[in-house]
N, C-alpha and C. Protein backbone atom coordinates (compact mmCIF):
# COMPACT_ATOMS: atom_id res chain seq x y z
N MET A 1 24.06 37.64 -54.63
CA MET A 1 23.44 36.73 -53.69
C MET A 1 24.37 36.53 -52.50
N ARG A 2 23.83 36.63 -51.31
CA ARG A 2 24.63 36.50 -50.09
C ARG A 2 24.68 35.06 -49.64
N ARG A 3 25.83 34.67 -49.13
CA ARG A 3 25.98 33.33 -48.57
C ARG A 3 25.79 33.40 -47.06
N PRO A 4 25.15 32.39 -46.46
CA PRO A 4 25.01 32.39 -45.00
C PRO A 4 26.37 32.27 -44.32
N VAL A 5 26.54 33.01 -43.26
CA VAL A 5 27.79 33.00 -42.50
C VAL A 5 27.50 32.39 -41.13
N SER A 6 28.39 31.56 -40.69
CA SER A 6 28.23 30.91 -39.40
C SER A 6 28.17 31.94 -38.28
N CYS A 7 27.18 31.84 -37.42
CA CYS A 7 27.06 32.73 -36.26
C CYS A 7 28.27 32.60 -35.35
N LEU A 8 28.80 31.39 -35.23
CA LEU A 8 29.97 31.18 -34.38
C LEU A 8 31.17 31.95 -34.91
N ALA A 9 31.36 31.92 -36.20
CA ALA A 9 32.49 32.64 -36.79
C ALA A 9 32.36 34.14 -36.55
N ILE A 10 31.15 34.66 -36.68
CA ILE A 10 30.92 36.09 -36.45
C ILE A 10 31.17 36.43 -34.99
N ALA A 11 30.65 35.60 -34.09
CA ALA A 11 30.82 35.86 -32.65
C ALA A 11 32.29 35.82 -32.26
N CYS A 12 33.00 34.82 -32.75
CA CYS A 12 34.42 34.72 -32.42
C CYS A 12 35.21 35.90 -32.96
N ALA A 13 34.92 36.28 -34.18
CA ALA A 13 35.64 37.41 -34.77
C ALA A 13 35.33 38.71 -34.05
N ALA A 14 34.09 38.86 -33.62
CA ALA A 14 33.70 40.09 -32.94
C ALA A 14 34.27 40.18 -31.53
N LEU A 15 34.39 39.05 -30.86
CA LEU A 15 34.85 39.05 -29.48
C LEU A 15 36.36 39.21 -29.33
N LEU A 16 37.10 38.67 -30.25
CA LEU A 16 38.55 38.69 -30.08
C LEU A 16 39.24 39.16 -31.34
N THR A 17 40.16 40.05 -31.17
CA THR A 17 41.09 40.38 -32.24
C THR A 17 42.47 40.16 -31.65
N LEU A 18 43.16 39.20 -32.19
CA LEU A 18 44.42 38.78 -31.60
C LEU A 18 45.56 39.02 -32.58
N PRO A 19 46.76 39.23 -32.03
CA PRO A 19 47.91 39.33 -32.93
C PRO A 19 48.12 38.02 -33.67
N ALA A 20 48.67 38.13 -34.87
CA ALA A 20 48.84 36.94 -35.70
C ALA A 20 49.81 35.94 -35.09
N ALA A 21 50.82 36.41 -34.39
CA ALA A 21 51.83 35.50 -33.84
C ALA A 21 51.62 35.33 -32.35
N VAL A 22 50.89 34.30 -31.99
CA VAL A 22 50.74 33.96 -30.58
C VAL A 22 51.11 32.49 -30.44
N SER A 23 51.78 32.20 -29.36
CA SER A 23 52.17 30.81 -29.16
C SER A 23 51.18 30.13 -28.25
N VAL A 24 50.87 28.89 -28.55
CA VAL A 24 49.98 28.11 -27.71
C VAL A 24 50.85 27.29 -26.78
N THR A 25 50.70 27.54 -25.49
CA THR A 25 51.42 26.75 -24.51
C THR A 25 50.42 26.19 -23.53
N ALA A 26 50.69 25.02 -23.05
CA ALA A 26 49.81 24.42 -22.05
C ALA A 26 49.96 25.22 -20.76
N VAL A 27 48.86 25.38 -20.07
CA VAL A 27 48.89 26.09 -18.80
C VAL A 27 49.71 25.25 -17.83
N ALA A 28 50.73 25.87 -17.26
CA ALA A 28 51.70 25.14 -16.45
C ALA A 28 51.05 24.47 -15.24
N HIS A 29 50.03 25.08 -14.67
CA HIS A 29 49.43 24.55 -13.45
C HIS A 29 48.41 23.46 -13.73
N ALA A 30 47.99 23.33 -14.97
CA ALA A 30 46.94 22.38 -15.30
C ALA A 30 47.50 20.97 -15.40
N ALA A 31 46.70 20.02 -14.97
CA ALA A 31 47.12 18.63 -15.07
C ALA A 31 46.96 18.17 -16.51
N GLN A 32 48.03 17.71 -17.10
CA GLN A 32 47.96 17.12 -18.43
C GLN A 32 47.40 15.72 -18.27
N ILE A 33 46.53 15.35 -19.17
CA ILE A 33 45.82 14.08 -19.02
C ILE A 33 46.63 12.92 -19.58
N SER A 34 46.69 11.88 -18.81
CA SER A 34 47.17 10.59 -19.30
C SER A 34 46.18 9.56 -18.77
N ARG A 35 46.19 8.40 -19.37
CA ARG A 35 45.21 7.39 -18.98
C ARG A 35 45.29 7.09 -17.48
N ASP A 36 44.14 6.98 -16.87
CA ASP A 36 44.00 6.62 -15.45
C ASP A 36 44.64 7.64 -14.50
N SER A 37 44.90 8.87 -14.95
CA SER A 37 45.59 9.81 -14.08
C SER A 37 44.66 10.70 -13.27
N VAL A 38 43.38 10.68 -13.54
CA VAL A 38 42.46 11.58 -12.85
C VAL A 38 41.94 10.90 -11.58
N ASP A 39 42.18 11.56 -10.45
CA ASP A 39 41.70 11.07 -9.16
C ASP A 39 40.38 11.78 -8.85
N TRP A 40 39.27 11.13 -9.20
CA TRP A 40 37.95 11.75 -9.01
C TRP A 40 37.58 11.81 -7.54
N GLN A 41 38.20 10.99 -6.69
CA GLN A 41 37.94 11.06 -5.25
C GLN A 41 38.50 12.34 -4.67
N ALA A 42 39.69 12.74 -5.10
CA ALA A 42 40.34 13.94 -4.56
C ALA A 42 39.62 15.21 -5.02
N ALA A 43 39.16 15.23 -6.25
CA ALA A 43 38.46 16.40 -6.79
C ALA A 43 37.37 15.89 -7.73
N PRO A 44 36.15 15.70 -7.21
CA PRO A 44 35.09 15.11 -8.03
C PRO A 44 34.59 16.02 -9.15
N VAL A 45 34.85 17.32 -9.04
CA VAL A 45 34.43 18.25 -10.08
C VAL A 45 35.68 18.82 -10.73
N ARG A 46 35.74 18.74 -12.06
CA ARG A 46 36.89 19.23 -12.82
C ARG A 46 36.39 20.00 -14.04
N LEU A 47 37.20 20.95 -14.48
CA LEU A 47 36.94 21.64 -15.73
C LEU A 47 37.96 21.11 -16.74
N LEU A 48 37.46 20.46 -17.77
CA LEU A 48 38.31 19.92 -18.82
C LEU A 48 38.38 20.92 -19.96
N MET A 49 39.60 21.37 -20.27
CA MET A 49 39.81 22.27 -21.40
C MET A 49 40.34 21.43 -22.55
N VAL A 50 39.61 21.45 -23.65
CA VAL A 50 40.03 20.75 -24.86
C VAL A 50 40.61 21.79 -25.80
N GLU A 51 41.89 21.61 -26.16
CA GLU A 51 42.57 22.60 -26.99
C GLU A 51 43.19 21.93 -28.20
N ALA A 52 43.72 22.76 -29.10
CA ALA A 52 44.40 22.26 -30.29
C ALA A 52 45.63 23.09 -30.56
N LYS A 53 46.65 22.45 -31.09
CA LYS A 53 47.87 23.16 -31.46
C LYS A 53 47.52 24.21 -32.52
N GLY A 54 48.01 25.42 -32.32
CA GLY A 54 47.77 26.49 -33.28
C GLY A 54 46.47 27.25 -33.07
N CYS A 55 45.69 26.89 -32.07
CA CYS A 55 44.41 27.55 -31.80
C CYS A 55 44.67 28.91 -31.14
N ILE A 56 44.34 30.00 -31.83
CA ILE A 56 44.61 31.33 -31.28
C ILE A 56 43.71 31.66 -30.10
N TYR A 57 42.53 31.06 -30.04
CA TYR A 57 41.63 31.32 -28.92
C TYR A 57 42.09 30.57 -27.67
N CYS A 58 42.68 29.39 -27.87
CA CYS A 58 43.29 28.67 -26.75
C CYS A 58 44.46 29.48 -26.20
N ALA A 59 45.25 30.05 -27.09
CA ALA A 59 46.38 30.89 -26.67
C ALA A 59 45.89 32.11 -25.90
N ALA A 60 44.80 32.70 -26.36
CA ALA A 60 44.24 33.86 -25.66
C ALA A 60 43.79 33.46 -24.26
N TRP A 61 43.13 32.31 -24.12
CA TRP A 61 42.70 31.85 -22.80
C TRP A 61 43.92 31.60 -21.92
N ASN A 62 44.93 30.94 -22.46
CA ASN A 62 46.14 30.65 -21.69
C ASN A 62 46.82 31.94 -21.23
N ARG A 63 46.75 32.97 -22.03
CA ARG A 63 47.38 34.24 -21.68
C ARG A 63 46.52 35.06 -20.71
N GLU A 64 45.21 35.11 -20.94
CA GLU A 64 44.33 36.00 -20.19
C GLU A 64 43.76 35.38 -18.92
N ILE A 65 43.43 34.11 -18.95
CA ILE A 65 42.74 33.45 -17.82
C ILE A 65 43.64 32.44 -17.13
N GLY A 66 44.40 31.69 -17.90
CA GLY A 66 45.19 30.57 -17.39
C GLY A 66 46.00 30.84 -16.14
N PRO A 67 46.78 31.93 -16.09
CA PRO A 67 47.62 32.14 -14.90
C PRO A 67 46.82 32.33 -13.60
N GLY A 68 45.67 32.92 -13.67
CA GLY A 68 44.89 33.18 -12.45
C GLY A 68 43.83 32.14 -12.14
N TYR A 69 43.54 31.25 -13.08
CA TYR A 69 42.44 30.30 -12.88
C TYR A 69 42.59 29.45 -11.61
N PRO A 70 43.77 28.86 -11.32
CA PRO A 70 43.84 28.00 -10.13
C PRO A 70 43.62 28.75 -8.82
N LYS A 71 43.87 30.06 -8.81
CA LYS A 71 43.69 30.86 -7.59
C LYS A 71 42.25 31.37 -7.46
N SER A 72 41.48 31.29 -8.54
CA SER A 72 40.11 31.81 -8.53
C SER A 72 39.18 30.85 -7.79
N ALA A 73 38.02 31.37 -7.41
CA ALA A 73 37.01 30.53 -6.76
C ALA A 73 36.58 29.40 -7.70
N GLU A 74 36.48 29.72 -8.98
CA GLU A 74 36.10 28.71 -9.96
C GLU A 74 37.17 27.63 -10.08
N GLY A 75 38.43 28.06 -10.07
CA GLY A 75 39.53 27.11 -10.17
C GLY A 75 39.64 26.20 -8.96
N LYS A 76 39.26 26.73 -7.80
CA LYS A 76 39.26 25.91 -6.59
C LYS A 76 38.08 24.93 -6.60
N ALA A 77 36.96 25.37 -7.14
CA ALA A 77 35.77 24.52 -7.19
C ALA A 77 35.91 23.44 -8.26
N ALA A 78 36.57 23.78 -9.37
CA ALA A 78 36.72 22.85 -10.49
C ALA A 78 38.14 22.96 -11.05
N PRO A 79 39.10 22.23 -10.46
CA PRO A 79 40.48 22.28 -10.97
C PRO A 79 40.54 21.92 -12.45
N LEU A 80 41.50 22.51 -13.13
CA LEU A 80 41.61 22.39 -14.58
C LEU A 80 42.37 21.15 -15.01
N LEU A 81 41.82 20.49 -16.02
CA LEU A 81 42.50 19.44 -16.77
C LEU A 81 42.61 19.93 -18.20
N VAL A 82 43.69 19.63 -18.87
CA VAL A 82 43.87 20.05 -20.26
C VAL A 82 44.17 18.83 -21.12
N THR A 83 43.49 18.73 -22.26
CA THR A 83 43.79 17.68 -23.21
C THR A 83 43.71 18.23 -24.63
N ASP A 84 44.41 17.59 -25.53
CA ASP A 84 44.34 17.94 -26.93
C ASP A 84 43.04 17.38 -27.51
N ILE A 85 42.52 18.03 -28.51
CA ILE A 85 41.27 17.58 -29.12
C ILE A 85 41.38 16.16 -29.67
N ASP A 86 42.61 15.74 -30.00
CA ASP A 86 42.83 14.39 -30.51
C ASP A 86 43.19 13.39 -29.40
N GLY A 87 43.13 13.83 -28.13
CA GLY A 87 43.39 12.94 -27.02
C GLY A 87 44.82 13.03 -26.55
N PRO A 88 45.20 12.24 -25.57
CA PRO A 88 44.45 11.12 -24.99
C PRO A 88 43.34 11.60 -24.05
N TRP A 89 42.31 10.77 -23.95
CA TRP A 89 41.19 11.04 -23.07
C TRP A 89 41.30 10.12 -21.85
N PRO A 90 40.99 10.63 -20.68
CA PRO A 90 41.08 9.77 -19.49
C PRO A 90 39.97 8.72 -19.49
N ASP A 91 40.28 7.55 -18.93
CA ASP A 91 39.27 6.51 -18.77
C ASP A 91 38.17 7.01 -17.84
N GLY A 92 36.96 6.60 -18.10
CA GLY A 92 35.86 6.93 -17.22
C GLY A 92 35.16 8.24 -17.52
N VAL A 93 35.65 9.01 -18.48
CA VAL A 93 35.00 10.28 -18.82
C VAL A 93 33.85 9.99 -19.79
N VAL A 94 32.68 10.52 -19.46
CA VAL A 94 31.49 10.32 -20.29
C VAL A 94 31.05 11.69 -20.79
N LEU A 95 31.17 11.89 -22.10
CA LEU A 95 30.80 13.15 -22.72
C LEU A 95 29.50 13.00 -23.49
N ASP A 96 28.74 14.10 -23.56
CA ASP A 96 27.51 14.08 -24.35
C ASP A 96 27.81 13.91 -25.84
N ARG A 97 28.90 14.55 -26.29
CA ARG A 97 29.33 14.43 -27.67
C ARG A 97 30.81 14.81 -27.75
N ARG A 98 31.47 14.40 -28.81
CA ARG A 98 32.88 14.71 -29.00
C ARG A 98 33.05 16.19 -29.30
N PRO A 99 34.00 16.87 -28.66
CA PRO A 99 34.24 18.28 -28.96
C PRO A 99 34.75 18.46 -30.40
N THR A 100 34.27 19.51 -31.05
CA THR A 100 34.72 19.82 -32.41
C THR A 100 35.27 21.24 -32.51
N ILE A 101 35.11 22.03 -31.46
CA ILE A 101 35.56 23.43 -31.43
C ILE A 101 36.61 23.55 -30.33
N THR A 102 37.66 24.32 -30.60
CA THR A 102 38.63 24.59 -29.53
C THR A 102 38.71 26.08 -29.30
N PRO A 103 38.84 26.48 -28.03
CA PRO A 103 38.77 25.58 -26.89
C PRO A 103 37.33 25.21 -26.55
N THR A 104 37.16 24.06 -25.96
CA THR A 104 35.89 23.67 -25.37
C THR A 104 36.17 23.39 -23.90
N PHE A 105 35.32 23.92 -23.04
CA PHE A 105 35.44 23.74 -21.59
C PHE A 105 34.28 22.86 -21.14
N ILE A 106 34.61 21.70 -20.57
CA ILE A 106 33.59 20.73 -20.17
C ILE A 106 33.68 20.54 -18.67
N LEU A 107 32.59 20.85 -17.99
CA LEU A 107 32.53 20.63 -16.55
C LEU A 107 32.16 19.17 -16.31
N LEU A 108 33.03 18.49 -15.57
CA LEU A 108 32.84 17.07 -15.28
C LEU A 108 32.59 16.87 -13.79
N GLN A 109 31.64 16.02 -13.48
CA GLN A 109 31.39 15.65 -12.09
C GLN A 109 31.52 14.14 -12.02
N ASN A 110 32.55 13.67 -11.30
CA ASN A 110 32.88 12.25 -11.22
C ASN A 110 33.03 11.64 -12.62
N GLY A 111 33.53 12.43 -13.56
CA GLY A 111 33.80 11.95 -14.90
C GLY A 111 32.68 12.14 -15.90
N ASP A 112 31.50 12.53 -15.42
CA ASP A 112 30.35 12.72 -16.32
C ASP A 112 30.19 14.20 -16.68
N GLU A 113 29.90 14.47 -17.94
CA GLU A 113 29.69 15.84 -18.38
C GLU A 113 28.43 16.42 -17.75
N VAL A 114 28.59 17.61 -17.16
CA VAL A 114 27.48 18.33 -16.56
C VAL A 114 27.09 19.53 -17.43
N ALA A 115 28.09 20.21 -17.96
CA ALA A 115 27.85 21.40 -18.77
C ALA A 115 29.06 21.61 -19.67
N ARG A 116 28.86 22.46 -20.68
CA ARG A 116 29.91 22.68 -21.68
C ARG A 116 29.85 24.11 -22.18
N LEU A 117 31.04 24.68 -22.41
CA LEU A 117 31.20 26.00 -23.02
C LEU A 117 32.08 25.80 -24.25
N GLU A 118 31.53 26.06 -25.42
CA GLU A 118 32.28 25.88 -26.66
C GLU A 118 32.81 27.23 -27.12
N GLY A 119 34.12 27.33 -27.27
CA GLY A 119 34.75 28.57 -27.67
C GLY A 119 35.17 29.37 -26.45
N TYR A 120 35.96 30.39 -26.69
CA TYR A 120 36.41 31.29 -25.62
C TYR A 120 35.75 32.64 -25.83
N PRO A 121 34.86 33.05 -24.92
CA PRO A 121 34.11 34.29 -25.11
C PRO A 121 34.86 35.56 -24.71
N GLY A 122 36.09 35.43 -24.25
CA GLY A 122 36.86 36.58 -23.80
C GLY A 122 36.88 36.67 -22.29
N ASP A 123 37.83 37.45 -21.77
CA ASP A 123 38.02 37.50 -20.32
C ASP A 123 36.86 38.14 -19.57
N GLN A 124 36.06 38.96 -20.22
CA GLN A 124 34.92 39.59 -19.53
C GLN A 124 33.77 38.62 -19.29
N PHE A 125 33.66 37.60 -20.12
CA PHE A 125 32.50 36.71 -20.05
C PHE A 125 32.83 35.31 -19.56
N PHE A 126 34.11 34.94 -19.52
CA PHE A 126 34.47 33.57 -19.18
C PHE A 126 34.00 33.17 -17.79
N TYR A 127 34.37 33.94 -16.77
CA TYR A 127 34.02 33.55 -15.39
C TYR A 127 32.51 33.52 -15.14
N PRO A 128 31.73 34.49 -15.60
CA PRO A 128 30.28 34.37 -15.40
C PRO A 128 29.68 33.11 -16.04
N LEU A 129 30.19 32.74 -17.21
CA LEU A 129 29.69 31.53 -17.86
C LEU A 129 30.10 30.27 -17.10
N ILE A 130 31.32 30.26 -16.57
CA ILE A 130 31.76 29.11 -15.75
C ILE A 130 30.95 29.04 -14.46
N ASP A 131 30.64 30.20 -13.87
CA ASP A 131 29.78 30.22 -12.68
C ASP A 131 28.43 29.59 -12.97
N ASP A 132 27.85 29.88 -14.14
CA ASP A 132 26.57 29.26 -14.53
C ASP A 132 26.71 27.75 -14.65
N MET A 133 27.83 27.30 -15.22
CA MET A 133 28.06 25.87 -15.34
C MET A 133 28.19 25.21 -13.96
N LEU A 134 28.90 25.87 -13.06
CA LEU A 134 29.04 25.33 -11.70
C LEU A 134 27.70 25.28 -10.98
N SER A 135 26.85 26.26 -11.22
CA SER A 135 25.51 26.25 -10.63
C SER A 135 24.73 25.02 -11.07
N LYS A 136 24.88 24.65 -12.35
CA LYS A 136 24.23 23.44 -12.86
C LYS A 136 24.67 22.19 -12.09
N ALA A 137 25.93 22.22 -11.62
CA ALA A 137 26.47 21.07 -10.87
C ALA A 137 26.14 21.17 -9.39
N GLY A 138 25.43 22.23 -9.00
CA GLY A 138 25.08 22.39 -7.59
C GLY A 138 26.17 23.06 -6.78
N LEU A 139 27.14 23.69 -7.44
CA LEU A 139 28.22 24.39 -6.76
C LEU A 139 28.09 25.88 -7.00
N GLN A 140 28.56 26.65 -6.05
CA GLN A 140 28.55 28.10 -6.19
C GLN A 140 29.95 28.63 -5.96
N ALA A 141 30.68 28.89 -7.03
CA ALA A 141 32.03 29.41 -6.90
C ALA A 141 32.03 30.78 -6.25
N ALA A 142 30.99 31.57 -6.49
CA ALA A 142 30.93 32.91 -5.92
C ALA A 142 30.94 32.86 -4.39
N ASP A 143 30.38 31.79 -3.81
CA ASP A 143 30.38 31.64 -2.36
C ASP A 143 31.77 31.35 -1.82
N MET A 144 32.69 30.90 -2.68
CA MET A 144 34.03 30.54 -2.27
C MET A 144 35.00 31.71 -2.37
N ARG A 145 34.55 32.85 -2.90
CA ARG A 145 35.44 34.00 -3.07
C ARG A 145 35.85 34.56 -1.72
N GLU A 146 37.12 34.96 -1.66
CA GLU A 146 37.64 35.57 -0.44
C GLU A 146 37.41 37.06 -0.51
N ASP A 147 37.12 37.68 0.61
CA ASP A 147 36.97 39.13 0.66
C ASP A 147 38.35 39.75 0.61
N GLY A 148 38.45 40.91 -0.04
CA GLY A 148 39.72 41.60 -0.04
C GLY A 148 40.08 42.00 -1.34
């Protein structure tokens, strides 16, 4: 008799095969969250990355996407905030539900959740999915790309 297997587990295993020893480091350019530290006036749209210590998919994102994200059109449209799944959470953030998967990427507009990406789909799919999330917020990161 076969047991049902989570579709998420299958998708994650199929998308990424990572070395066993990877270190999880916070992206150096990302703002680490502390209470009352988010200036929504300066950047009303933010991408919140929820991560966990020991998460190999968070480490893959930090290695594959993290260094270039702030220079990308998406990074300019939605600067990155990083928090641990256990907090602290900034005041004023309104989420549809508490994240349970890491990494989870939550697009925030003035602190309110607009869209969410649960899990890391790999470097080939991350930016197109973030572009879709930005479209939901009425932004077009593709329009912000520089020629060259």
